[in-house]
Amino acid sequence: MASGDLITQNRVLDTLNNRALTSVESTTVNNLITAVSAAIRRYCNRDFFLTTYDELYSGNGSQRLLLRQLPIVSIQSVRYGPYAVLRVYNNASTNQRATVAVTSAVDTDVTGTGLTLVRVASGVVTTDTSVTFAANPTLTAVAAAVNALGNGWGAYVANNFYQFWPSADLRIQGALNCAQGAYGELKMHVIEMSDYQIDRKRGWIIRGINALVTQWDDPMAVWTPGIDNYRILYTAGYVTIPYDLQEACAEWVASLFWQTKSNPSMYPSTPPPHVALILDNYRQHHPMPI
């Protein structure tokens, strides 16, 4: 069973009336399971598996904010207000260009593993990735590590209040200019929020509602408009994939299995109507993040 597969081959065999598969057919079924599982996740705009997510959201001016994954199991933190907590610069006159960026972790647009420092002197590009968050767990430690590099590099924590905040919480922004008088300002969401409720099944986090009487308590409490101004760490998904979703996946795989007998290149595009009836119960119609 490949990572991301919603069902096993044995589940498909139930739908195929426990057909004895040849070696070639077994490979075909396994490939179809992987392909159909991916197609179902795309169709439903959901991952399904129990996973912890660290995501950026843009405030919409409403009292409801729809998370990308559901059902919500728990929310570890909701933070607001990206603030420039660390300033990096390069003041060497021999460098014509210098940039700083948070080194991106794999498959994420939020968390990083350290700093990528690039300088260009007389056409020679030098890249330094030695300042890692694992070795420098606080902002003060990161600043000290940058200052120790030489070649014009320097850094300082913008406000002493943040000097011992975790460096791993620095957000990915892209490469920022920090050459000859410019400062690359690395940001962190610094305001921890507590005034929200959770609608687990629908994937909403809601502000301004009194959970006990289910009425609006503070109509002025909204998700403040902005671009990526909220960072939410939460866990969502299923420990066990729902049985009707497993059935939909198995029926789609079985349908394609028989089609491959006449067309071996057949792979999923859109679900058959009877499969779509099941999948539509799980389809997440959230807007794409801006």
C-alpha atoms as a PDB file:
ATOM      1  CA  MET A   1       0.000   0.000   0.000  1.00  0.00           C
ATOM      2  CA  ALA A   2       1.611   3.229  -1.165  1.00  0.00           C
ATOM      3  CA  SER A   3       1.643   6.368   0.928  1.00  0.00           C
ATOM      4  CA  GLY A   4      -1.548   8.326   0.230  1.00  0.00           C
ATOM      5  CA  ASP A   5      -3.601   5.303  -0.859  1.00  0.00           C
ATOM      6  CA  LEU A   6      -7.140   5.476   0.537  1.00  0.00           C
ATOM      7  CA  ILE A   7      -7.696   1.703   0.338  1.00  0.00           C
ATOM      8  CA  THR A   8      -5.789  -1.565   0.081  1.00  0.00           C
ATOM      9  CA  GLN A   9      -5.805  -4.067  -2.755  1.00  0.00           C
ATOM     10  CA  ASN A  10      -7.899  -6.443  -0.625  1.00  0.00           C
ATOM     11  CA  ARG A  11     -10.623  -3.786  -0.444  1.00  0.00           C
ATOM     12  CA  VAL A  12     -10.696  -3.627  -4.244  1.00  0.00           C
ATOM     13  CA  LEU A  13     -10.870  -7.424  -4.487  1.00  0.00           C
ATOM     14  CA  ASP A  14     -14.141  -7.313  -2.513  1.00  0.00           C
ATOM     15  CA  THR A  15     -15.584  -5.159  -5.308  1.00  0.00           C
ATOM     16  CA  LEU A  16     -14.070  -7.425  -7.968  1.00  0.00           C
ATOM     17  CA  ASN A  17     -15.874 -10.435  -6.445  1.00  0.00           C
ATOM     18  CA  ASN A  18     -12.555 -11.690  -5.009  1.00  0.00           C
ATOM     19  CA  ARG A  19     -11.089 -12.231  -8.455  1.00  0.00           C
ATOM     20  CA  ALA A  20      -7.727 -14.033  -8.446  1.00  0.00           C
ATOM     21  CA  LEU A  21      -5.313 -11.482  -9.928  1.00  0.00           C
ATOM     22  CA  THR A  22      -2.366 -12.279 -12.121  1.00  0.00           C
ATOM     23  CA  SER A  23       0.940 -10.574 -11.320  1.00  0.00           C
ATOM     24  CA  VAL A  24       0.325  -8.019 -14.070  1.00  0.00           C
ATOM     25  CA  GLU A  25      -3.246  -7.383 -12.901  1.00  0.00           C
ATOM     26  CA  SER A  26      -2.036  -6.942  -9.321  1.00  0.00           C
ATOM     27  CA  THR A  27       0.374  -4.236 -10.451  1.00  0.00           C
ATOM     28  CA  THR A  28      -2.412  -2.579 -12.454  1.00  0.00           C
ATOM     29  CA  VAL A  29      -4.762  -2.536  -9.465  1.00  0.00           C
ATOM     30  CA  ASN A  30      -2.098  -1.081  -7.163  1.00  0.00           C
ATOM     31  CA  ASN A  31      -1.306   1.662  -9.691  1.00  0.00           C
ATOM     32  CA  LEU A  32      -5.009   2.424 -10.088  1.00  0.00           C
ATOM     33  CA  ILE A  33      -5.489   2.653  -6.319  1.00  0.00           C
ATOM     34  CA  THR A  34      -2.717   5.242  -6.094  1.00  0.00           C
ATOM     35  CA  ALA A  35      -4.012   7.201  -9.102  1.00  0.00           C
ATOM     36  CA  VAL A  36      -7.664   7.129  -7.978  1.00  0.00           C
ATOM     37  CA  SER A  37      -6.732   8.100  -4.411  1.00  0.00           C
ATOM     38  CA  ALA A  38      -4.915  11.162  -5.738  1.00  0.00           C
ATOM     39  CA  ALA A  39      -7.853  11.980  -8.045  1.00  0.00           C
ATOM     40  CA  ILE A  40     -10.293  11.773  -5.126  1.00  0.00           C
ATOM     41  CA  ARG A  41      -8.178  14.152  -3.047  1.00  0.00           C
ATOM     42  CA  ARG A  42      -8.101  16.626  -5.940  1.00  0.00           C
ATOM     43  CA  TYR A  43     -11.832  16.287  -6.573  1.00  0.00           C
ATOM     44  CA  CYS A  44     -12.705  16.780  -2.903  1.00  0.00           C
ATOM     45  CA  ASN A  45      -9.993  19.391  -2.157  1.00  0.00           C
ATOM     46  CA  ARG A  46      -9.056  17.394   0.946  1.00  0.00           C
ATOM     47  CA  ASP A  47      -6.248  15.145   2.184  1.00  0.00           C
ATOM     48  CA  PHE A  48      -8.425  12.908   4.458  1.00  0.00           C
ATOM     49  CA  PHE A  49      -5.565  11.413   6.483  1.00  0.00           C
ATOM     50  CA  LEU A  50      -5.044  12.590  10.063  1.00  0.00           C
ATOM     51  CA  THR A  51      -2.312  15.221   9.669  1.00  0.00           C
ATOM     52  CA  THR A  52      -1.044  18.335  11.409  1.00  0.00           C
ATOM     53  CA  TYR A  53      -0.978  21.417   9.163  1.00  0.00           C
ATOM     54  CA  ASP A  54       0.885  24.712   9.481  1.00  0.00           C
ATOM     55  CA  GLU A  55      -0.779  27.128   7.059  1.00  0.00           C
ATOM     56  CA  LEU A  56      -1.099  30.810   6.244  1.00  0.00           C
ATOM     57  CA  TYR A  57      -4.538  32.376   5.758  1.00  0.00           C
ATOM     58  CA  SER A  58      -5.658  35.762   4.514  1.00  0.00           C
ATOM     59  CA  GLY A  59      -8.244  37.460   6.702  1.00  0.00           C
ATOM     60  CA  ASN A  60     -11.554  37.860   4.842  1.00  0.00           C
ATOM     61  CA  GLY A  61     -13.364  40.491   6.939  1.00  0.00           C
ATOM     62  CA  SER A  62     -15.950  37.876   7.958  1.00  0.00           C
ATOM     63  CA  GLN A  63     -16.613  36.167  11.287  1.00  0.00           C
ATOM     64  CA  ARG A  64     -15.988  32.746   9.713  1.00  0.00           C
ATOM     65  CA  LEU A  65     -12.683  31.497   8.361  1.00  0.00           C
ATOM     66  CA  LEU A  66     -12.742  28.196   6.455  1.00  0.00           C
ATOM     67  CA  LEU A  67      -9.727  25.945   6.955  1.00  0.00           C
ATOM     68  CA  ARG A  68      -8.483  23.894   4.011  1.00  0.00           C
ATOM     69  CA  GLN A  69      -8.730  20.530   5.768  1.00  0.00           C
ATOM     70  CA  LEU A  70     -11.534  18.947   7.784  1.00  0.00           C
ATOM     71  CA  PRO A  71     -12.861  17.598  10.018  1.00  0.00           C
ATOM     72  CA  ILE A  72     -10.881  19.656  12.506  1.00  0.00           C
ATOM     73  CA  VAL A  73      -9.530  17.476  15.301  1.00  0.00           C
ATOM     74  CA  SER A  74      -7.710  20.171  17.262  1.00  0.00           C
ATOM     75  CA  ILE A  75      -6.190  23.613  16.866  1.00  0.00           C
ATOM     76  CA  GLN A  76      -2.779  24.130  18.398  1.00  0.00           C
ATOM     77  CA  SER A  77      -2.468  27.861  17.716  1.00  0.00           C
ATOM     78  CA  VAL A  78      -3.959  30.758  15.798  1.00  0.00           C
ATOM     79  CA  ARG A  79      -1.540  33.643  15.399  1.00  0.00           C
ATOM     80  CA  TYR A  80      -1.983  37.054  13.857  1.00  0.00           C
ATOM     81  CA  GLY A  81       0.118  40.068  12.971  1.00  0.00           C
ATOM     82  CA  PRO A  82       3.265  39.290  10.944  1.00  0.00           C
ATOM     83  CA  TYR A  83       5.952  41.514  12.445  1.00  0.00           C
ATOM     84  CA  ALA A  84       9.582  42.032  11.413  1.00  0.00           C
ATOM     85  CA  VAL A  85      11.366  40.436  14.372  1.00  0.00           C
ATOM     86  CA  LEU A  86      14.813  39.912  12.801  1.00  0.00           C
ATOM     87  CA  ARG A  87      16.744  42.316  10.560  1.00  0.00           C
ATOM     88  CA  VAL A  88      19.619  41.037   8.442  1.00  0.00           C
ATOM     89  CA  TYR A  89      22.066  43.204   6.486  1.00  0.00           C
ATOM     90  CA  ASN A  90      25.320  43.095   4.553  1.00  0.00           C
ATOM     91  CA  ASN A  91      27.417  46.273   4.704  1.00  0.00           C
ATOM     92  CA  ALA A  92      30.506  45.136   2.761  1.00  0.00           C
ATOM     93  CA  SER A  93      31.183  47.568  -0.079  1.00  0.00           C
ATOM     94  CA  THR A  94      32.739  44.739  -2.097  1.00  0.00           C
ATOM     95  CA  ASN A  95      29.311  43.060  -2.444  1.00  0.00           C
ATOM     96  CA  GLN A  96      27.077  44.397  -5.212  1.00  0.00           C
ATOM     97  CA  ARG A  97      24.140  42.255  -4.138  1.00  0.00           C
ATOM     98  CA  ALA A  98      23.096  40.483  -0.949  1.00  0.00           C
ATOM     99  CA  THR A  99      19.878  38.706  -0.011  1.00  0.00           C
ATOM    100  CA  VAL A 100      18.493  36.733   2.911  1.00  0.00           C
ATOM    101  CA  ALA A 101      15.716  34.137   2.830  1.00  0.00           C
ATOM    102  CA  VAL A 102      14.266  31.549   5.156  1.00  0.00           C
ATOM    103  CA  THR A 103      15.353  28.168   3.799  1.00  0.00           C
ATOM    104  CA  SER A 104      12.190  26.299   2.846  1.00  0.00           C
ATOM    105  CA  ALA A 105      11.434  22.885   4.282  1.00  0.00           C
ATOM    106  CA  VAL A 106      10.122  20.262   1.861  1.00  0.00           C
ATOM    107  CA  ASP A 107       6.468  20.595   0.742  1.00  0.00           C
ATOM    108  CA  THR A 108       5.614  23.670   2.798  1.00  0.00           C
ATOM    109  CA  ASP A 109       4.990  27.352   2.239  1.00  0.00           C
ATOM    110  CA  VAL A 110       5.313  28.310   5.916  1.00  0.00           C
ATOM    111  CA  THR A 111       8.037  26.613   7.931  1.00  0.00           C
ATOM    112  CA  GLY A 112      11.753  26.786   7.288  1.00  0.00           C
ATOM    113  CA  THR A 113      14.950  25.127   8.438  1.00  0.00           C
ATOM    114  CA  GLY A 114      17.375  28.048   8.561  1.00  0.00           C
ATOM    115  CA  LEU A 115      18.656  31.024   6.578  1.00  0.00           C
ATOM    116  CA  THR A 116      19.946  31.188   3.016  1.00  0.00           C
ATOM    117  CA  LEU A 117      22.399  34.085   2.700  1.00  0.00           C
ATOM    118  CA  VAL A 118      23.565  35.012  -0.793  1.00  0.00           C
ATOM    119  CA  ARG A 119      26.115  37.672  -1.734  1.00  0.00           C
ATOM    120  CA  VAL A 120      27.499  38.669  -5.129  1.00  0.00           C
ATOM    121  CA  ALA A 121      30.956  40.266  -5.369  1.00  0.00           C
ATOM    122  CA  SER A 122      32.449  41.070  -8.788  1.00  0.00           C
ATOM    123  CA  GLY A 123      30.165  38.528 -10.432  1.00  0.00           C
ATOM    124  CA  VAL A 124      30.994  35.713  -7.987  1.00  0.00           C
ATOM    125  CA  VAL A 125      27.975  34.280  -6.167  1.00  0.00           C
ATOM    126  CA  THR A 126      28.511  32.902  -2.654  1.00  0.00           C
ATOM    127  CA  THR A 127      25.694  31.078  -0.856  1.00  0.00           C
ATOM    128  CA  ASP A 128      25.770  30.298   2.863  1.00  0.00           C
ATOM    129  CA  THR A 129      23.211  27.970   4.511  1.00  0.00           C
ATOM    130  CA  SER A 130      25.193  27.266   7.695  1.00  0.00           C
ATOM    131  CA  VAL A 131      22.821  29.198   9.976  1.00  0.00           C
ATOM    132  CA  THR A 132      20.209  26.584  10.840  1.00  0.00           C
ATOM    133  CA  PHE A 133      17.312  26.851  13.257  1.00  0.00           C
ATOM    134  CA  ALA A 134      18.161  23.487  14.801  1.00  0.00           C
ATOM    135  CA  ALA A 135      21.578  24.772  15.879  1.00  0.00           C
ATOM    136  CA  ASN A 136      20.256  28.259  16.698  1.00  0.00           C
ATOM    137  CA  PRO A 137      16.830  27.795  18.316  1.00  0.00           C
ATOM    138  CA  THR A 138      16.225  31.425  19.308  1.00  0.00           C
ATOM    139  CA  LEU A 139      16.265  34.670  17.357  1.00  0.00           C
ATOM    140  CA  THR A 140      19.176  35.899  19.462  1.00  0.00           C
ATOM    141  CA  ALA A 141      21.171  32.789  18.566  1.00  0.00           C
ATOM    142  CA  VAL A 142      20.399  33.263  14.851  1.00  0.00           C
ATOM    143  CA  ALA A 143      21.539  36.898  14.995  1.00  0.00           C
ATOM    144  CA  ALA A 144      24.780  35.902  16.729  1.00  0.00           C
ATOM    145  CA  ALA A 145      25.432  33.192  14.132  1.00  0.00           C
ATOM    146  CA  VAL A 146      24.925  35.642  11.261  1.00  0.00           C
ATOM    147  CA  ASN A 147      27.220  38.198  12.925  1.00  0.00           C
ATOM    148  CA  ALA A 148      29.936  35.537  13.197  1.00  0.00           C
ATOM    149  CA  LEU A 149      29.966  34.851   9.450  1.00  0.00           C
ATOM    150  CA  GLY A 150      32.014  37.882   8.435  1.00  0.00           C
ATOM    151  CA  ASN A 151      32.035  39.091   4.795  1.00  0.00           C
ATOM    152  CA  GLY A 152      29.797  42.000   5.787  1.00  0.00           C
ATOM    153  CA  TRP A 153      26.971  39.956   7.289  1.00  0.00           C
ATOM    154  CA  GLY A 154      25.144  41.238  10.340  1.00  0.00           C
ATOM    155  CA  ALA A 155      21.804  40.807  12.095  1.00  0.00           C
ATOM    156  CA  TYR A 156      19.899  41.927  15.166  1.00  0.00           C
ATOM    157  CA  VAL A 157      16.581  41.222  16.852  1.00  0.00           C
ATOM    158  CA  ALA A 158      14.280  44.174  16.161  1.00  0.00           C
ATOM    159  CA  ASN A 159      12.773  44.230  19.653  1.00  0.00           C
ATOM    160  CA  ASN A 160      14.311  42.727  22.797  1.00  0.00           C
ATOM    161  CA  PHE A 161      10.893  41.311  23.679  1.00  0.00           C
ATOM    162  CA  TYR A 162      11.395  38.759  20.899  1.00  0.00           C
ATOM    163  CA  GLN A 163      15.023  37.820  21.527  1.00  0.00           C
ATOM    164  CA  PHE A 164      14.229  34.349  22.903  1.00  0.00           C
ATOM    165  CA  TRP A 165      11.342  33.540  20.564  1.00  0.00           C
ATOM    166  CA  PRO A 166      11.808  30.360  18.486  1.00  0.00           C
ATOM    167  CA  SER A 167      13.671  30.903  15.238  1.00  0.00           C
ATOM    168  CA  ALA A 168      11.726  28.043  13.619  1.00  0.00           C
ATOM    169  CA  ASP A 169       8.631  30.277  13.656  1.00  0.00           C
ATOM    170  CA  LEU A 170      10.154  32.675  11.117  1.00  0.00           C
ATOM    171  CA  ARG A 171       7.937  32.554   8.045  1.00  0.00           C
ATOM    172  CA  ILE A 172       9.010  31.994   4.455  1.00  0.00           C
ATOM    173  CA  GLN A 173       8.936  35.242   2.463  1.00  0.00           C
ATOM    174  CA  GLY A 174      11.333  34.843  -0.430  1.00  0.00           C
ATOM    175  CA  ALA A 175      14.777  36.391  -0.914  1.00  0.00           C
ATOM    176  CA  LEU A 176      14.969  39.902   0.582  1.00  0.00           C
ATOM    177  CA  ASN A 177      17.504  42.567  -0.349  1.00  0.00           C
ATOM    178  CA  CYS A 178      19.900  43.400   2.473  1.00  0.00           C
ATOM    179  CA  ALA A 179      22.848  45.009   0.640  1.00  0.00           C
ATOM    180  CA  GLN A 180      24.470  48.384   1.314  1.00  0.00           C
ATOM    181  CA  GLY A 181      22.026  50.080   3.659  1.00  0.00           C
ATOM    182  CA  ALA A 182      19.021  47.818   3.109  1.00  0.00           C
ATOM    183  CA  TYR A 183      17.621  45.470   5.755  1.00  0.00           C
ATOM    184  CA  GLY A 184      16.030  42.121   5.061  1.00  0.00           C
ATOM    185  CA  GLU A 185      13.172  42.049   7.558  1.00  0.00           C
ATOM    186  CA  LEU A 186      12.200  38.504   8.522  1.00  0.00           C
ATOM    187  CA  LYS A 187       8.702  38.244   9.931  1.00  0.00           C
ATOM    188  CA  MET A 188       6.870  36.161  12.485  1.00  0.00           C
ATOM    189  CA  HIS A 189       3.180  36.059  13.468  1.00  0.00           C
ATOM    190  CA  VAL A 190       3.460  37.356  17.029  1.00  0.00           C
ATOM    191  CA  ILE A 191      -0.097  37.763  18.396  1.00  0.00           C
ATOM    192  CA  GLU A 192      -1.575  34.575  19.869  1.00  0.00           C
ATOM    193  CA  MET A 193      -5.360  34.592  19.567  1.00  0.00           C
ATOM    194  CA  SER A 194      -7.916  33.115  21.941  1.00  0.00           C
ATOM    195  CA  ASP A 195     -11.281  34.635  20.932  1.00  0.00           C
ATOM    196  CA  TYR A 196     -12.556  32.015  18.501  1.00  0.00           C
ATOM    197  CA  GLN A 197     -14.750  28.922  18.403  1.00  0.00           C
ATOM    198  CA  ILE A 198     -14.405  25.778  16.286  1.00  0.00           C
ATOM    199  CA  ASP A 199     -16.964  24.176  13.982  1.00  0.00           C
ATOM    200  CA  ARG A 200     -15.157  20.867  13.574  1.00  0.00           C
ATOM    201  CA  LYS A 201     -17.287  19.176  10.907  1.00  0.00           C
ATOM    202  CA  ARG A 202     -17.593  22.187   8.611  1.00  0.00           C
ATOM    203  CA  GLY A 203     -13.984  23.278   9.086  1.00  0.00           C
ATOM    204  CA  TRP A 204     -14.762  26.782  10.353  1.00  0.00           C
ATOM    205  CA  ILE A 205     -13.098  28.801  13.042  1.00  0.00           C
ATOM    206  CA  ILE A 206     -15.474  31.525  14.140  1.00  0.00           C
ATOM    207  CA  ARG A 207     -14.992  34.837  15.914  1.00  0.00           C
ATOM    208  CA  GLY A 208     -17.583  36.847  17.785  1.00  0.00           C
ATOM    209  CA  ILE A 209     -20.005  34.033  18.633  1.00  0.00           C
ATOM    210  CA  ASN A 210     -21.094  32.895  22.074  1.00  0.00           C
ATOM    211  CA  ALA A 211     -20.788  29.105  21.960  1.00  0.00           C
ATOM    212  CA  LEU A 212     -23.217  28.600  24.858  1.00  0.00           C
ATOM    213  CA  VAL A 213     -26.163  30.444  23.351  1.00  0.00           C
ATOM    214  CA  THR A 214     -25.120  30.175  19.671  1.00  0.00           C
ATOM    215  CA  GLN A 215     -25.657  33.852  18.967  1.00  0.00           C
ATOM    216  CA  TRP A 216     -23.346  36.613  17.812  1.00  0.00           C
ATOM    217  CA  ASP A 217     -21.657  38.020  20.899  1.00  0.00           C
ATOM    218  CA  ASP A 218     -19.367  40.595  19.296  1.00  0.00           C
ATOM    219  CA  PRO A 219     -20.325  41.568  15.735  1.00  0.00           C
ATOM    220  CA  MET A 220     -17.109  43.589  15.420  1.00  0.00           C
ATOM    221  CA  ALA A 221     -14.885  40.517  15.911  1.00  0.00           C
ATOM    222  CA  VAL A 222     -13.878  39.491  12.375  1.00  0.00           C
ATOM    223  CA  TRP A 223     -10.906  37.939  10.634  1.00  0.00           C
ATOM    224  CA  THR A 224      -9.126  41.185   9.763  1.00  0.00           C
ATOM    225  CA  PRO A 225      -8.531  41.537   6.005  1.00  0.00           C
ATOM    226  CA  GLY A 226      -4.939  41.106   4.904  1.00  0.00           C
ATOM    227  CA  ILE A 227      -2.593  38.897   2.911  1.00  0.00           C
ATOM    228  CA  ASP A 228      -1.342  35.843   4.841  1.00  0.00           C
ATOM    229  CA  ASN A 229      -1.883  37.722   8.093  1.00  0.00           C
ATOM    230  CA  TYR A 230      -2.946  34.605  10.031  1.00  0.00           C
ATOM    231  CA  ARG A 231      -0.869  31.508  10.737  1.00  0.00           C
ATOM    232  CA  ILE A 232      -2.837  28.486  11.947  1.00  0.00           C
ATOM    233  CA  LEU A 233      -1.431  25.246  13.292  1.00  0.00           C
ATOM    234  CA  TYR A 234      -4.090  22.545  13.444  1.00  0.00           C
ATOM    235  CA  THR A 235      -4.777  18.830  13.122  1.00  0.00           C
ATOM    236  CA  ALA A 236      -7.475  17.524  10.792  1.00  0.00           C
ATOM    237  CA  GLY A 237      -8.566  14.359   9.020  1.00  0.00           C
ATOM    238  CA  TYR A 238      -9.610  10.806   9.847  1.00  0.00           C
ATOM    239  CA  VAL A 239      -7.878   8.076  11.821  1.00  0.00           C
ATOM    240  CA  THR A 240      -9.861   5.592   9.702  1.00  0.00           C
ATOM    241  CA  ILE A 241     -10.969   6.535   6.193  1.00  0.00           C
ATOM    242  CA  PRO A 242     -14.831   6.530   6.193  1.00  0.00           C
ATOM    243  CA  TYR A 243     -16.280   3.331   4.776  1.00  0.00           C
ATOM    244  CA  ASP A 244     -18.418   5.027   2.142  1.00  0.00           C
ATOM    245  CA  LEU A 245     -15.319   6.873   0.906  1.00  0.00           C
ATOM    246  CA  GLN A 246     -13.471   3.558   0.740  1.00  0.00           C
ATOM    247  CA  GLU A 247     -16.400   2.146  -1.256  1.00  0.00           C
ATOM    248  CA  ALA A 248     -16.273   5.064  -3.698  1.00  0.00           C
ATOM    249  CA  CYS A 249     -12.543   4.552  -4.216  1.00  0.00           C
ATOM    250  CA  ALA A 250     -12.957   0.787  -4.681  1.00  0.00           C
ATOM    251  CA  GLU A 251     -15.785   1.183  -7.193  1.00  0.00           C
ATOM    252  CA  TRP A 252     -13.835   3.733  -9.227  1.00  0.00           C
ATOM    253  CA  VAL A 253     -10.758   1.476  -9.256  1.00  0.00           C
ATOM    254  CA  ALA A 254     -12.847  -1.536 -10.244  1.00  0.00           C
ATOM    255  CA  SER A 255     -14.487   0.406 -13.057  1.00  0.00           C
ATOM    256  CA  LEU A 256     -11.106   1.464 -14.418  1.00  0.00           C
ATOM    257  CA  PHE A 257      -9.711  -2.046 -13.983  1.00  0.00           C
ATOM    258  CA  TRP A 258     -12.282  -3.460 -16.412  1.00  0.00           C
ATOM    259  CA  GLN A 259     -11.707  -0.568 -18.811  1.00  0.00           C
ATOM    260  CA  THR A 260      -7.960  -1.290 -18.902  1.00  0.00           C
ATOM    261  CA  LYS A 261      -8.771  -4.651 -20.444  1.00  0.00           C
ATOM    262  CA  SER A 262      -9.573  -2.802 -23.655  1.00  0.00           C
ATOM    263  CA  ASN A 263      -7.460   0.319 -23.050  1.00  0.00           C
ATOM    264  CA  PRO A 264      -4.347  -0.292 -20.872  1.00  0.00           C
ATOM    265  CA  SER A 265      -3.575   3.449 -20.731  1.00  0.00           C
ATOM    266  CA  MET A 266      -6.859   4.262 -18.977  1.00  0.00           C
ATOM    267  CA  TYR A 267      -6.429   6.424 -15.861  1.00  0.00           C
ATOM    268  CA  PRO A 268      -8.879   8.542 -13.852  1.00  0.00           C
ATOM    269  CA  SER A 269     -10.047  11.954 -14.976  1.00  0.00           C
ATOM    270  CA  THR A 270     -13.488  12.493 -13.475  1.00  0.00           C
ATOM    271  CA  PRO A 271     -15.382  10.092 -11.205  1.00  0.00           C
ATOM    272  CA  PRO A 272     -18.250   8.002 -12.616  1.00  0.00           C
ATOM    273  CA  PRO A 273     -21.673   9.426 -11.668  1.00  0.00           C
ATOM    274  CA  HIS A 274     -22.388   6.794  -8.999  1.00  0.00           C
ATOM    275  CA  VAL A 275     -18.976   7.450  -7.406  1.00  0.00           C
ATOM    276  CA  ALA A 276     -19.436  11.225  -7.583  1.00  0.00           C
ATOM    277  CA  LEU A 277     -22.663  10.887  -5.565  1.00  0.00           C
ATOM    278  CA  ILE A 278     -20.588   9.606  -2.646  1.00  0.00           C
ATOM    279  CA  LEU A 279     -17.648  11.948  -3.129  1.00  0.00           C
ATOM    280  CA  ASP A 280     -19.853  15.043  -3.256  1.00  0.00           C
ATOM    281  CA  ASN A 281     -20.618  14.495   0.436  1.00  0.00           C
ATOM    282  CA  TYR A 282     -16.930  15.106   1.144  1.00  0.00           C
ATOM    283  CA  ARG A 283     -16.205  17.776  -1.416  1.00  0.00           C
ATOM    284  CA  GLN A 284     -14.712  20.932   0.063  1.00  0.00           C
ATOM    285  CA  HIS A 285     -15.816  24.002  -1.870  1.00  0.00           C
ATOM    286  CA  HIS A 286     -13.381  26.436  -0.328  1.00  0.00           C
ATOM    287  CA  PRO A 287     -11.889  29.309  -2.344  1.00  0.00           C
ATOM    288  CA  MET A 288      -8.288  29.032  -3.411  1.00  0.00           C
ATOM    289  CA  PRO A 289      -6.009  30.990  -1.046  1.00  0.00           C
ATOM    290  CA  ILE A 290      -5.001  34.393  -2.386  1.00  0.00           C
END
